[in-house]
N, C-alpha and C. Protein backbone atom coordinates (compact mmCIF):
# COMPACT_ATOMS: atom_id res chain seq x y z
N UNK A 1 3.71 12.91 16.27
CA UNK A 1 4.02 12.72 14.69
C UNK A 1 3.72 11.39 14.43
N UNK A 2 3.01 11.30 13.18
CA UNK A 2 2.59 10.35 12.38
C UNK A 2 3.75 9.30 11.75
N UNK A 3 3.51 8.18 12.06
CA UNK A 3 4.70 7.32 11.75
C UNK A 3 4.16 6.30 10.54
N UNK A 4 4.39 5.68 9.93
CA UNK A 4 4.10 4.70 9.12
C UNK A 4 5.10 3.79 8.98
N UNK A 5 4.98 2.65 9.15
CA UNK A 5 5.89 1.42 8.78
C UNK A 5 5.63 0.29 7.97
N UNK A 6 6.16 0.41 6.85
CA UNK A 6 6.03 -0.76 6.29
C UNK A 6 6.46 -1.92 6.14
N UNK A 7 6.14 -3.21 6.22
CA UNK A 7 6.24 -4.78 6.46
C UNK A 7 6.11 -5.39 4.87
N UNK A 8 6.76 -6.76 4.78
CA UNK A 8 6.08 -8.14 3.98
C UNK A 8 6.80 -8.07 2.61
N UNK A 9 7.66 -7.04 2.01
CA UNK A 9 8.00 -7.04 0.76
C UNK A 9 9.66 -7.73 0.88
N UNK A 10 9.61 -8.38 -0.35
CA UNK A 10 10.73 -9.41 -0.70
C UNK A 10 10.75 -9.95 -1.92
N UNK A 11 11.06 -10.89 -2.51
CA UNK A 11 11.44 -11.43 -3.93
C UNK A 11 10.77 -13.00 -3.95
N UNK A 12 9.98 -12.41 -5.16
CA UNK A 12 9.13 -13.73 -5.68
C UNK A 12 9.05 -14.15 -6.69
N UNK A 13 8.81 -15.20 -7.16
CA UNK A 13 8.72 -15.55 -9.03
C UNK A 13 6.98 -15.00 -9.40
N UNK A 14 7.13 -14.51 -10.33
CA UNK A 14 5.89 -14.53 -11.15
C UNK A 14 4.93 -15.23 -10.90
N UNK A 15 3.85 -14.96 -10.48
CA UNK A 15 2.42 -15.69 -10.60
C UNK A 15 2.30 -15.89 -9.11
N UNK A 16 3.75 -15.78 -7.99
CA UNK A 16 3.59 -15.63 -6.83
C UNK A 16 2.58 -14.73 -6.11
N UNK A 17 2.88 -14.77 -4.52
CA UNK A 17 1.88 -13.98 -3.88
C UNK A 17 2.74 -13.03 -2.31
N UNK A 18 2.49 -11.91 -2.51
CA UNK A 18 2.70 -11.09 -1.23
C UNK A 18 2.19 -10.59 -0.87
N UNK A 19 2.09 -10.11 1.00
CA UNK A 19 1.45 -9.88 1.36
C UNK A 19 2.20 -8.16 2.17
N UNK A 20 1.46 -7.21 1.91
CA UNK A 20 2.25 -6.12 2.69
C UNK A 20 1.59 -5.76 3.59
N UNK A 21 2.29 -4.86 4.53
CA UNK A 21 1.47 -4.42 6.06
C UNK A 21 1.77 -3.38 6.00
N UNK A 22 1.24 -2.38 6.78
CA UNK A 22 1.83 -0.80 7.08
C UNK A 22 1.03 -0.74 8.60
N UNK A 23 1.94 -0.48 9.34
CA UNK A 23 1.25 0.26 10.48
C UNK A 23 1.36 1.60 10.73
N UNK A 24 0.24 1.77 11.45
CA UNK A 24 0.42 3.57 11.77
C UNK A 24 0.33 3.83 13.42
N UNK A 25 0.54 5.07 13.67
CA UNK A 25 0.92 5.44 15.00
C UNK A 25 0.01 6.02 15.13
N UNK A 26 -0.51 6.32 16.48
CA UNK A 26 -1.33 7.47 16.57
C UNK A 26 -2.98 7.36 16.20
N UNK A 27 -4.25 7.68 17.01
CA UNK A 27 -5.11 7.59 16.93
C UNK A 27 -6.29 8.62 15.49
N UNK A 28 -4.90 9.07 14.53
CA UNK A 28 -5.59 10.22 13.15
C UNK A 28 -5.70 8.79 12.34
N UNK A 29 -5.37 7.69 12.81
CA UNK A 29 -5.70 6.64 11.65
C UNK A 29 -6.63 6.37 11.43
N UNK A 30 -7.56 6.35 11.88
CA UNK A 30 -9.13 6.14 12.30
C UNK A 30 -9.68 6.90 10.95
N UNK A 31 -9.39 8.11 11.16
CA UNK A 31 -10.37 9.18 10.27
C UNK A 31 -9.74 9.89 9.10
N UNK A 32 -8.65 8.71 8.45
CA UNK A 32 -7.76 9.08 7.32
C UNK A 32 -7.73 7.67 6.28
N UNK A 33 -7.77 8.38 4.96
CA UNK A 33 -7.49 7.23 3.93
C UNK A 33 -6.24 7.07 4.28
N UNK A 34 -6.28 5.89 3.18
CA UNK A 34 -4.82 5.14 3.66
C UNK A 34 -4.64 4.29 2.13
N UNK A 35 -3.56 4.63 1.32
CA UNK A 35 -3.04 3.68 0.49
C UNK A 35 -1.78 3.32 0.08
N UNK A 36 -1.73 2.68 -0.92
CA UNK A 36 0.03 2.20 -1.19
C UNK A 36 0.17 2.75 -2.96
N UNK A 37 1.39 3.39 -2.89
CA UNK A 37 1.56 4.02 -4.02
C UNK A 37 3.24 2.92 -4.35
N UNK A 38 3.56 2.80 -5.64
CA UNK A 38 4.82 1.89 -6.07
C UNK A 38 5.44 3.04 -6.98
N UNK A 39 7.16 2.76 -6.99
CA UNK A 39 7.86 3.36 -7.52
C UNK A 39 9.13 2.35 -8.30
N UNK A 40 9.33 2.46 -9.15
CA UNK A 40 9.87 1.85 -10.15
C UNK A 40 11.12 2.30 -10.68
N UNK A 41 12.71 2.07 -10.94
CA UNK A 41 13.59 2.89 -11.80
C UNK A 41 13.24 3.24 -12.72
N UNK A 42 13.59 4.81 -12.95
CA UNK A 42 13.31 5.28 -14.15
C UNK A 42 11.91 5.66 -14.12
N UNK A 43 10.77 5.52 -13.61
CA UNK A 43 9.22 5.55 -13.60
C UNK A 43 8.85 6.65 -12.29
N UNK A 44 7.41 7.43 -13.03
CA UNK A 44 7.24 7.94 -11.74
C UNK A 44 6.56 7.26 -10.79
N UNK A 45 6.05 7.57 -9.41
CA UNK A 45 5.34 6.88 -8.57
C UNK A 45 3.91 6.98 -9.06
N UNK A 46 3.57 5.61 -8.55
CA UNK A 46 2.16 5.76 -9.22
C UNK A 46 0.93 4.98 -8.44
N UNK A 47 -0.24 4.94 -8.39
CA UNK A 47 -1.15 4.60 -7.30
C UNK A 47 -1.35 3.38 -7.64
N UNK A 48 -0.93 2.96 -6.71
CA UNK A 48 -1.95 0.97 -6.55
C UNK A 48 -2.85 0.45 -6.01
N UNK A 49 -3.30 1.46 -4.88
CA UNK A 49 -4.61 1.57 -3.87
C UNK A 49 -5.11 2.31 -3.01
N UNK A 50 -6.08 2.69 -2.60
CA UNK A 50 -6.61 3.56 -1.73
C UNK A 50 -8.19 3.08 -1.26
N UNK A 51 -8.00 3.43 0.15
CA UNK A 51 -8.93 2.62 0.83
C UNK A 51 -9.54 4.09 1.53
N UNK A 52 -10.96 4.31 2.31
CA UNK A 52 -11.40 5.45 2.78
C UNK A 52 -11.18 4.87 4.48
N UNK A 53 -11.50 5.98 5.00
CA UNK A 53 -11.17 5.74 6.59
C UNK A 53 -11.84 4.49 7.09
N UNK A 54 -13.20 4.29 6.72
CA UNK A 54 -14.32 3.33 7.08
C UNK A 54 -14.31 1.71 6.48
N UNK A 55 -12.93 1.87 5.69
CA UNK A 55 -12.74 0.98 4.29
C UNK A 55 -14.28 0.31 3.58
N UNK A 56 -14.83 1.74 3.41
CA UNK A 56 -15.80 1.05 2.65
C UNK A 56 -15.71 1.09 0.90
N UNK A 57 -14.91 1.94 0.82
CA UNK A 57 -15.00 3.11 -0.50
C UNK A 57 -13.35 2.16 -0.89
N UNK A 58 -13.07 1.54 -1.72
CA UNK A 58 -11.42 1.00 -2.22
C UNK A 58 -11.03 1.37 -3.72
N UNK A 59 -10.03 1.66 -4.19
CA UNK A 59 -10.07 2.12 -5.47
C UNK A 59 -8.74 1.60 -6.04
N UNK A 60 -8.63 0.90 -7.05
CA UNK A 60 -7.12 0.38 -7.17
C UNK A 60 -6.66 1.36 -8.67
N UNK A 61 -5.53 0.93 -9.06
CA UNK A 61 -5.00 1.53 -10.13
C UNK A 61 -5.20 0.26 -11.09
N UNK A 62 -5.10 0.82 -12.27
CA UNK A 62 -5.78 -0.54 -13.79
C UNK A 62 -4.81 -0.73 -13.45
N UNK A 63 -3.21 -0.68 -13.19
CA UNK A 63 -2.41 -2.22 -13.35
C UNK A 63 -2.74 -3.49 -12.97
N UNK A 64 -3.17 -3.33 -11.53
CA UNK A 64 -3.54 -4.11 -10.33
C UNK A 64 -4.84 -4.38 -10.20
N UNK A 65 -5.98 -3.95 -10.53
CA UNK A 65 -7.24 -4.74 -10.44
C UNK A 65 -7.37 -5.65 -10.84
N UNK A 66 -8.17 -6.36 -9.94
CA UNK A 66 -8.66 -7.94 -9.55
C UNK A 66 -7.03 -8.79 -9.11
N UNK A 67 -6.07 -8.60 -9.02
CA UNK A 67 -4.97 -9.01 -8.41
C UNK A 67 -4.51 -8.82 -7.18
N UNK A 68 -4.90 -7.36 -6.84
CA UNK A 68 -4.38 -7.15 -5.60
C UNK A 68 -5.66 -7.15 -4.70
N UNK A 69 -5.49 -6.75 -3.49
CA UNK A 69 -6.84 -6.87 -2.15
C UNK A 69 -6.52 -5.36 -1.32
N UNK A 70 -6.76 -4.19 -1.50
CA UNK A 70 -6.26 -3.67 -0.41
C UNK A 70 -7.43 -3.98 0.77
N UNK A 71 -6.87 -3.79 2.19
CA UNK A 71 -8.27 -3.75 3.34
C UNK A 71 -7.29 -2.67 4.55
N UNK A 72 -8.24 -3.04 5.59
CA UNK A 72 -7.43 -1.77 6.84
C UNK A 72 -8.44 -2.39 8.22
N UNK A 73 -7.63 -2.54 8.97
CA UNK A 73 -8.23 -3.22 10.40
C UNK A 73 -7.83 -1.92 11.30
N UNK A 74 -9.11 -1.20 11.45
CA UNK A 74 -9.15 -0.01 12.21
C UNK A 74 -8.62 -0.31 13.64
N UNK A 75 -9.08 -1.41 14.27
CA UNK A 75 -8.84 -1.76 15.81
C UNK A 75 -7.22 -2.18 15.64
N UNK A 76 -6.17 -2.25 15.16
CA UNK A 76 -5.15 -2.55 15.00
C UNK A 76 -4.38 -1.39 14.38
N UNK A 77 -5.24 -0.24 14.02
CA UNK A 77 -4.25 0.74 12.94
C UNK A 77 -3.19 -0.01 11.71
N UNK A 78 -3.96 -0.76 11.14
CA UNK A 78 -3.02 -1.36 10.24
C UNK A 78 -3.80 -1.65 8.91
N UNK A 79 -3.06 -1.41 7.76
CA UNK A 79 -3.17 -1.66 6.28
C UNK A 79 -2.87 -2.74 5.74
N UNK A 80 -3.19 -3.63 4.96
CA UNK A 80 -2.73 -5.07 4.54
C UNK A 80 -3.07 -4.80 3.02
N UNK A 81 -1.90 -5.14 1.82
CA UNK A 81 -2.21 -5.32 0.35
C UNK A 81 -1.78 -6.69 0.16
N UNK A 82 -2.77 -7.48 -0.15
CA UNK A 82 -2.68 -8.65 -0.62
C UNK A 82 -2.59 -8.39 -2.35
N UNK A 83 -1.09 -9.18 -2.83
CA UNK A 83 -0.51 -9.42 -4.16
C UNK A 83 -0.75 -10.38 -4.71
N UNK A 84 -1.31 -11.06 -5.55
CA UNK A 84 -1.39 -12.00 -5.95
C UNK A 84 -1.35 -11.95 -7.28
N UNK A 85 -0.75 -13.07 -7.84
CA UNK A 85 -0.63 -13.37 -9.43
C UNK A 85 0.39 -11.92 -9.77
N UNK A 86 1.56 -11.97 -9.40
CA UNK A 86 2.93 -10.93 -9.48
C UNK A 86 3.33 -11.16 -11.05
N UNK A 87 3.76 -9.80 -11.08
CA UNK A 87 4.62 -9.95 -12.48
C UNK A 87 5.39 -9.29 -12.26
N UNK A 88 6.45 -9.58 -13.32
CA UNK A 88 7.64 -8.83 -13.10
C UNK A 88 7.35 -7.66 -13.25
N UNK A 89 6.29 -6.92 -13.63
CA UNK A 89 6.22 -5.19 -13.88
C UNK A 89 5.99 -4.66 -12.74
N UNK A 90 5.45 -5.47 -12.00
CA UNK A 90 5.01 -5.14 -10.62
C UNK A 90 6.23 -4.61 -9.23
N UNK A 91 7.53 -5.25 -9.84
CA UNK A 91 8.39 -4.95 -9.20
C UNK A 91 8.79 -3.40 -9.07
N UNK A 92 9.38 -2.99 -7.45
CA UNK A 92 9.47 -1.63 -6.88
C UNK A 92 9.23 -1.58 -5.85
N UNK A 93 9.18 -0.32 -5.46
CA UNK A 93 9.59 0.07 -3.87
C UNK A 93 8.15 0.49 -3.61
N UNK A 94 7.38 0.16 -2.70
CA UNK A 94 5.92 0.50 -2.22
C UNK A 94 5.79 1.29 -1.17
N UNK A 95 5.18 2.07 -1.39
CA UNK A 95 4.78 3.07 -0.04
C UNK A 95 3.56 3.01 0.24
N UNK A 96 3.61 3.19 1.71
CA UNK A 96 2.31 3.65 2.44
C UNK A 96 1.99 4.70 2.90
N UNK A 97 1.17 5.10 2.50
CA UNK A 97 0.56 6.56 2.48
C UNK A 97 -0.53 6.63 3.35
N UNK A 98 -0.49 8.09 4.10
CA UNK A 98 -2.04 8.40 4.33
C UNK A 98 -2.56 9.89 4.41
N UNK A 99 -3.49 9.94 4.39
CA UNK A 99 -4.08 10.99 3.68
C UNK A 99 -5.25 11.71 5.06
N UNK A 100 -4.97 12.83 5.88
CA UNK A 100 -5.89 13.19 6.96
C UNK A 100 -6.77 13.58 5.88
N UNK A 101 -8.20 13.62 6.90
CA UNK A 101 -9.49 14.23 6.55
C UNK A 101 -9.42 15.50 6.51
N UNK A 102 -8.99 16.50 7.28
CA UNK A 102 -9.14 18.16 7.31
C UNK A 102 -7.46 18.13 6.68
N UNK A 103 -7.74 18.70 5.79
CA UNK A 103 -6.50 19.42 5.41
C UNK A 103 -5.66 18.85 4.42
N UNK A 104 -6.18 17.48 4.11
CA UNK A 104 -5.44 16.67 3.16
C UNK A 104 -4.00 16.63 3.63
N UNK A 105 -3.19 16.44 4.69
CA UNK A 105 -2.06 16.39 4.76
C UNK A 105 -1.58 15.06 4.23
N UNK A 106 -0.55 14.70 4.13
CA UNK A 106 0.21 13.64 3.54
C UNK A 106 0.97 12.92 3.91
N UNK A 107 1.41 11.75 4.58
CA UNK A 107 2.34 11.09 5.72
C UNK A 107 2.94 9.94 4.62
N UNK A 108 4.10 9.35 4.56
CA UNK A 108 4.28 8.90 3.76
C UNK A 108 5.70 7.47 4.71
N UNK A 109 5.39 5.96 4.28
CA UNK A 109 6.00 5.49 5.16
C UNK A 109 7.68 5.33 4.15
N UNK A 110 8.73 4.48 4.75
CA UNK A 110 10.03 4.67 3.52
C UNK A 110 9.83 3.91 2.67
N UNK A 111 9.15 2.73 2.65
CA UNK A 111 8.80 2.00 1.40
C UNK A 111 9.52 0.47 1.63
N UNK A 112 8.98 -0.46 0.99
CA UNK A 112 9.87 -1.81 1.09
C UNK A 112 9.40 -2.27 -0.10
N UNK A 113 10.99 -3.23 -0.65
CA UNK A 113 11.25 -3.27 -1.79
C UNK A 113 10.50 -4.88 -2.28
N UNK A 114 9.57 -4.81 -3.34
CA UNK A 114 8.67 -5.75 -3.54
C UNK A 114 9.96 -6.17 -5.35
N UNK A 115 10.28 -7.58 -5.25
CA UNK A 115 11.25 -8.24 -6.56
C UNK A 115 10.27 -8.77 -7.23
N UNK A 116 9.67 -9.05 -8.31
CA UNK A 116 9.13 -10.07 -9.03
C UNK A 116 9.88 -10.84 -9.91
N UNK A 117 10.50 -11.77 -10.00
CA UNK A 117 11.54 -12.61 -11.17
C UNK A 117 10.60 -13.10 -11.95
N UNK A 118 11.05 -13.24 -13.15
CA UNK A 118 10.43 -14.09 -14.34
C UNK A 118 11.00 -15.55 -14.58
């Protein structure tokens, strides 16, 4: 069973930074794409960033380009999302996602709350 556990959420003032982490159980991590999505009350879940299994290709949602940086550590089965220049509109629950290379199965963490105050 694949398990994803997020950490690093919290409250920060606008302009500040937070670093989210996601740990994944099992060897499937190394061959899977990883990503972060977020959801705010009353809004649909939206893409924050994704990273390919080897880490060479990273894609960002338009709302976070330049401000956020996604990386992965395949030796530790971890992904990290560095969030800088945070804005109140970045507030929401952030979910870690794993997509397998075969069958494109998706697994999700339970989410971590990020609150950015103005």
